[in-house]
Amino acid sequence: MEPPRPLLYTYRRCPYAMRARMALLVAGIAFDAHEIVLRDKPAAMLAASPKGTVPVLVLPSGQVLEQSWDIVQWALTHESADAEAQAWWSRAQTPENLELLQRNDGDFKHHLDRYKYAERFTQDTTDTATTDRRTFHREQAVAVLLHELERCLAEHDFLGGAQPCAADIGIFPFVRQFAAVDPAWFNALPLARVQAWLTHWLQSPLFEACMQKLPSHAEVRFPGSG
């Protein structure tokens, strides 16, 4: 009998869930994926994680991982992960990469949300037009992350150096979301390294596998590497 698999509650377009799925795929860990419907979240997921947001990974032991970066770490440092998968984690642990991740998950995400969903954040200010607020947050997002990301990619194709690392897949889904708001504007920015890096990940087999479309409320099996 096949041993029980971890169960990942996920949402296809969520950048946090993307980083979790990509890490599990890199590690070659077989898992089941449950694509949720945001307006009808499964009771089993809410029982496991009352926070009600994805990703949530329920391990066969019953342990629940509720944060995306914890899932990335668990996958890439798991005893079944090969040496290369584990190197994805270790290459991400430089002070520079950890700072980039902090910027991404902090100030960049703050400005990204207010750029992409400006109409949801009208409470932030009452005297500025929506268009002006979007422009402000768009510029701030570039300033807090993308210029530094461009500098970090100046000598190598990846944040892991010659090879990718967990920081690449941790940040990529958010830059993807930012670029997709206005692709023509993003592609005109003087950020050639970031743009090439983004294109690489968008065209990668790893991202294609990660974005496999799943039926809602159904558990789909992702085979491991073995």
Protein backbone atom coordinates (compact mmCIF):
# COMPACT_ATOMS: atom_id res chain seq x y z
CA MET A 1 0.00 0.00 0.00
CA GLU A 2 1.25 3.47 -0.86
CA PRO A 3 2.13 5.52 2.22
CA PRO A 4 -0.09 8.50 3.02
CA ARG A 5 0.81 11.76 1.33
CA PRO A 6 0.86 15.33 2.59
CA LEU A 7 -2.25 17.28 1.60
CA LEU A 8 -1.80 20.81 0.31
CA TYR A 9 -4.74 23.18 0.34
CA THR A 10 -3.96 25.64 -2.42
CA TYR A 11 -5.32 28.26 -4.79
CA ARG A 12 -3.84 28.38 -8.27
CA ARG A 13 -3.27 32.14 -8.57
CA CYS A 14 -2.14 32.82 -5.00
CA PRO A 15 1.59 33.70 -4.99
CA TYR A 16 2.08 32.21 -1.54
CA ALA A 17 0.56 28.93 -2.72
CA MET A 18 2.69 29.05 -5.89
CA ARG A 19 5.92 29.17 -3.89
CA ALA A 20 4.76 26.22 -1.79
CA ARG A 21 3.80 24.11 -4.83
CA MET A 22 7.07 24.92 -6.60
CA ALA A 23 9.12 23.89 -3.56
CA LEU A 24 7.29 20.58 -3.22
CA LEU A 25 7.88 19.91 -6.91
CA VAL A 26 11.58 20.82 -6.67
CA ALA A 27 11.94 18.44 -3.72
CA GLY A 28 10.19 15.66 -5.63
CA ILE A 29 7.78 15.08 -2.75
CA ALA A 30 4.59 13.30 -3.73
CA PHE A 31 1.59 15.20 -2.40
CA ASP A 32 -2.12 15.65 -2.87
CA ALA A 33 -3.40 19.11 -3.80
CA HIS A 34 -6.86 20.42 -2.97
CA GLU A 35 -7.78 23.51 -5.02
CA ILE A 36 -10.09 25.59 -2.86
CA VAL A 37 -12.91 27.94 -3.82
CA LEU A 38 -12.39 31.20 -1.93
CA ARG A 39 -16.08 31.74 -1.24
CA ASP A 40 -16.61 28.13 -0.13
CA LYS A 41 -13.55 27.02 1.82
CA PRO A 42 -13.53 23.35 2.82
CA ALA A 43 -14.43 22.60 6.42
CA ALA A 44 -11.47 20.25 6.75
CA MET A 45 -9.06 23.05 5.85
CA LEU A 46 -10.64 25.46 8.33
CA ALA A 47 -10.50 22.79 11.02
CA ALA A 48 -6.80 22.27 10.35
CA SER A 49 -6.04 25.98 10.00
CA PRO A 50 -8.65 28.46 11.26
CA LYS A 51 -6.76 31.37 9.62
CA GLY A 52 -8.59 30.36 6.44
CA THR A 53 -5.89 31.31 3.94
CA VAL A 54 -3.74 29.18 1.66
CA PRO A 55 -1.41 27.46 1.49
CA VAL A 56 -1.94 24.95 4.25
CA LEU A 57 -0.01 21.67 4.28
CA VAL A 58 -1.38 18.83 6.40
CA LEU A 59 1.27 16.18 6.96
CA PRO A 60 0.46 12.48 7.41
CA SER A 61 1.49 12.83 11.07
CA GLY A 62 -1.26 15.40 11.56
CA GLN A 63 1.17 18.31 11.83
CA VAL A 64 -0.10 21.41 10.03
CA LEU A 65 2.14 23.95 8.29
CA GLU A 66 0.23 27.21 7.83
CA GLN A 67 2.86 29.55 6.40
CA SER A 68 4.17 29.31 2.86
CA TRP A 69 7.83 29.76 3.77
CA ASP A 70 7.56 27.03 6.41
CA ILE A 71 6.26 24.73 3.68
CA VAL A 72 9.17 25.69 1.41
CA GLN A 73 11.65 24.94 4.19
CA TRP A 74 9.98 21.64 5.09
CA ALA A 75 9.99 20.47 1.47
CA LEU A 76 13.55 21.45 0.61
CA THR A 77 15.06 20.14 3.87
CA HIS A 78 13.00 16.95 4.05
CA GLU A 79 14.97 13.75 4.52
CA SER A 80 13.70 12.45 1.17
CA ALA A 81 14.88 15.54 -0.74
CA ASP A 82 18.05 14.94 -2.71
CA ALA A 83 21.23 16.98 -2.29
CA GLU A 84 20.36 19.38 -5.10
CA ALA A 85 16.91 20.11 -3.67
CA GLN A 86 18.47 20.75 -0.26
CA ALA A 87 20.98 23.08 -1.93
CA TRP A 88 18.04 25.18 -3.14
CA TRP A 89 17.36 25.92 0.53
CA SER A 90 20.97 26.46 1.63
CA ARG A 91 21.71 28.85 -1.25
CA ALA A 92 18.79 31.00 -0.13
CA GLN A 93 20.19 31.54 3.37
CA THR A 94 22.61 34.37 2.54
CA PRO A 95 21.99 37.70 4.30
CA GLU A 96 21.31 39.28 0.91
CA ASN A 97 18.65 36.75 -0.04
CA LEU A 98 17.02 36.84 3.38
CA GLU A 99 16.80 40.63 3.14
CA LEU A 100 15.23 40.37 -0.33
CA LEU A 101 12.64 37.94 0.99
CA GLN A 102 11.85 40.26 3.88
CA ARG A 103 11.40 43.16 1.47
CA ASN A 104 9.22 41.02 -0.80
CA ASP A 105 6.92 39.73 1.90
CA GLY A 106 6.80 43.10 3.66
CA ASP A 107 6.90 46.45 1.89
CA PHE A 108 6.70 45.08 -1.66
CA LYS A 109 3.58 43.03 -0.93
CA HIS A 110 2.05 46.05 0.81
CA HIS A 111 2.52 48.26 -2.25
CA LEU A 112 1.68 45.46 -4.71
CA ASP A 113 -1.75 44.98 -3.14
CA ARG A 114 -2.47 48.71 -3.26
CA TYR A 115 -1.31 48.93 -6.86
CA LYS A 116 -3.21 45.89 -8.12
CA TYR A 117 -6.32 46.34 -5.97
CA ALA A 118 -6.38 50.12 -5.44
CA GLU A 119 -10.16 50.21 -5.20
CA ARG A 120 -10.03 47.93 -2.12
CA PHE A 121 -7.85 50.35 -0.17
CA THR A 122 -9.78 53.61 -0.39
CA GLN A 123 -9.61 53.82 3.42
CA ASP A 124 -5.88 54.51 3.17
CA THR A 125 -6.55 58.09 2.09
CA THR A 126 -9.57 60.19 1.23
CA ASP A 127 -7.99 63.04 -0.69
CA THR A 128 -6.18 61.23 -3.51
CA ALA A 129 -7.67 59.87 -6.71
CA THR A 130 -7.46 56.11 -7.28
CA THR A 131 -5.19 56.59 -10.30
CA ASP A 132 -2.77 58.70 -8.27
CA ARG A 133 -2.71 56.14 -5.44
CA ARG A 134 -2.01 53.34 -7.89
CA THR A 135 0.87 55.27 -9.43
CA PHE A 136 2.34 56.03 -6.01
CA HIS A 137 2.23 52.40 -4.88
CA ARG A 138 3.55 51.17 -8.22
CA GLU A 139 6.58 53.42 -7.90
CA GLN A 140 7.12 52.47 -4.28
CA ALA A 141 7.02 48.77 -5.16
CA VAL A 142 9.77 49.29 -7.72
CA ALA A 143 11.82 51.27 -5.21
CA VAL A 144 11.56 48.85 -2.30
CA LEU A 145 12.38 45.64 -4.19
CA LEU A 146 12.94 45.68 -7.92
CA HIS A 147 15.99 47.95 -8.04
CA GLU A 148 17.68 45.83 -5.39
CA LEU A 149 16.65 42.65 -7.22
CA GLU A 150 18.21 44.04 -10.40
CA ARG A 151 21.46 44.67 -8.53
CA CYS A 152 21.47 41.16 -7.06
CA LEU A 153 21.03 39.64 -10.52
CA ALA A 154 23.81 41.73 -12.05
CA GLU A 155 26.44 38.98 -12.00
CA HIS A 156 24.36 35.79 -12.06
CA ASP A 157 21.13 34.59 -13.60
CA PHE A 158 19.64 33.51 -10.27
CA LEU A 159 19.57 34.60 -6.65
CA GLY A 160 21.36 31.35 -5.89
CA GLY A 161 24.21 32.34 -8.22
CA ALA A 162 24.73 30.09 -11.21
CA GLN A 163 21.92 27.85 -9.92
CA PRO A 164 18.47 28.81 -8.63
CA CYS A 165 17.48 28.73 -4.99
CA ALA A 166 14.45 29.01 -2.75
CA ALA A 167 14.68 32.81 -2.81
CA ASP A 168 14.03 32.76 -6.57
CA ILE A 169 10.81 30.78 -6.27
CA GLY A 170 9.89 32.66 -3.10
CA ILE A 171 9.97 36.06 -4.81
CA PHE A 172 9.11 35.20 -8.42
CA PRO A 173 5.31 34.70 -7.94
CA PHE A 174 4.97 38.21 -6.50
CA VAL A 175 7.02 39.88 -9.23
CA ARG A 176 4.92 37.94 -11.74
CA GLN A 177 1.76 39.38 -10.20
CA PHE A 178 3.21 42.88 -10.21
CA ALA A 179 4.32 42.69 -13.86
CA ALA A 180 0.97 41.32 -15.00
CA VAL A 181 -0.95 44.43 -13.89
CA ASP A 182 0.52 46.45 -16.78
CA PRO A 183 2.96 44.33 -18.82
CA ALA A 184 3.84 47.07 -21.33
CA TRP A 185 4.77 49.49 -18.56
CA PHE A 186 6.76 46.82 -16.69
CA ASN A 187 8.65 45.76 -19.82
CA ALA A 188 9.67 49.37 -20.47
CA LEU A 189 11.37 49.71 -17.09
CA PRO A 190 15.20 49.84 -17.08
CA LEU A 191 15.32 46.47 -15.30
CA ALA A 192 16.70 44.14 -17.96
CA ARG A 193 18.01 41.56 -15.48
CA VAL A 194 14.74 41.34 -13.58
CA GLN A 195 12.77 41.06 -16.80
CA ALA A 196 15.00 38.24 -18.11
CA TRP A 197 14.79 36.47 -14.74
CA LEU A 198 11.00 36.76 -14.76
CA THR A 199 10.78 35.43 -18.33
CA HIS A 200 12.94 32.45 -17.40
CA TRP A 201 10.62 31.42 -14.60
CA LEU A 202 7.45 32.05 -16.59
CA GLN A 203 8.75 29.71 -19.31
CA SER A 204 10.18 27.08 -16.98
CA PRO A 205 8.85 23.51 -16.82
CA LEU A 206 8.71 23.93 -13.03
CA PHE A 207 6.23 26.80 -13.30
CA GLU A 208 4.21 24.93 -15.93
CA ALA A 209 3.90 21.97 -13.56
CA CYS A 210 3.07 24.28 -10.65
CA MET A 211 0.26 25.92 -12.61
CA GLN A 212 -1.46 22.69 -13.61
CA LYS A 213 -5.16 23.50 -13.50
CA LEU A 214 -6.97 21.50 -10.84
CA PRO A 215 -10.68 20.85 -10.45
CA SER A 216 -12.16 22.69 -7.49
CA HIS A 217 -12.90 20.70 -4.35
CA ALA A 218 -11.04 17.67 -5.68
CA GLU A 219 -7.79 16.19 -4.44
CA VAL A 220 -5.29 15.71 -7.25
CA ARG A 221 -2.11 13.68 -6.91
CA PHE A 222 1.26 15.20 -7.73
CA PRO A 223 3.80 12.40 -8.16
CA GLY A 224 7.20 12.72 -6.56
CA SER A 225 10.50 12.44 -8.35
CA GLY A 226 10.92 8.77 -7.67
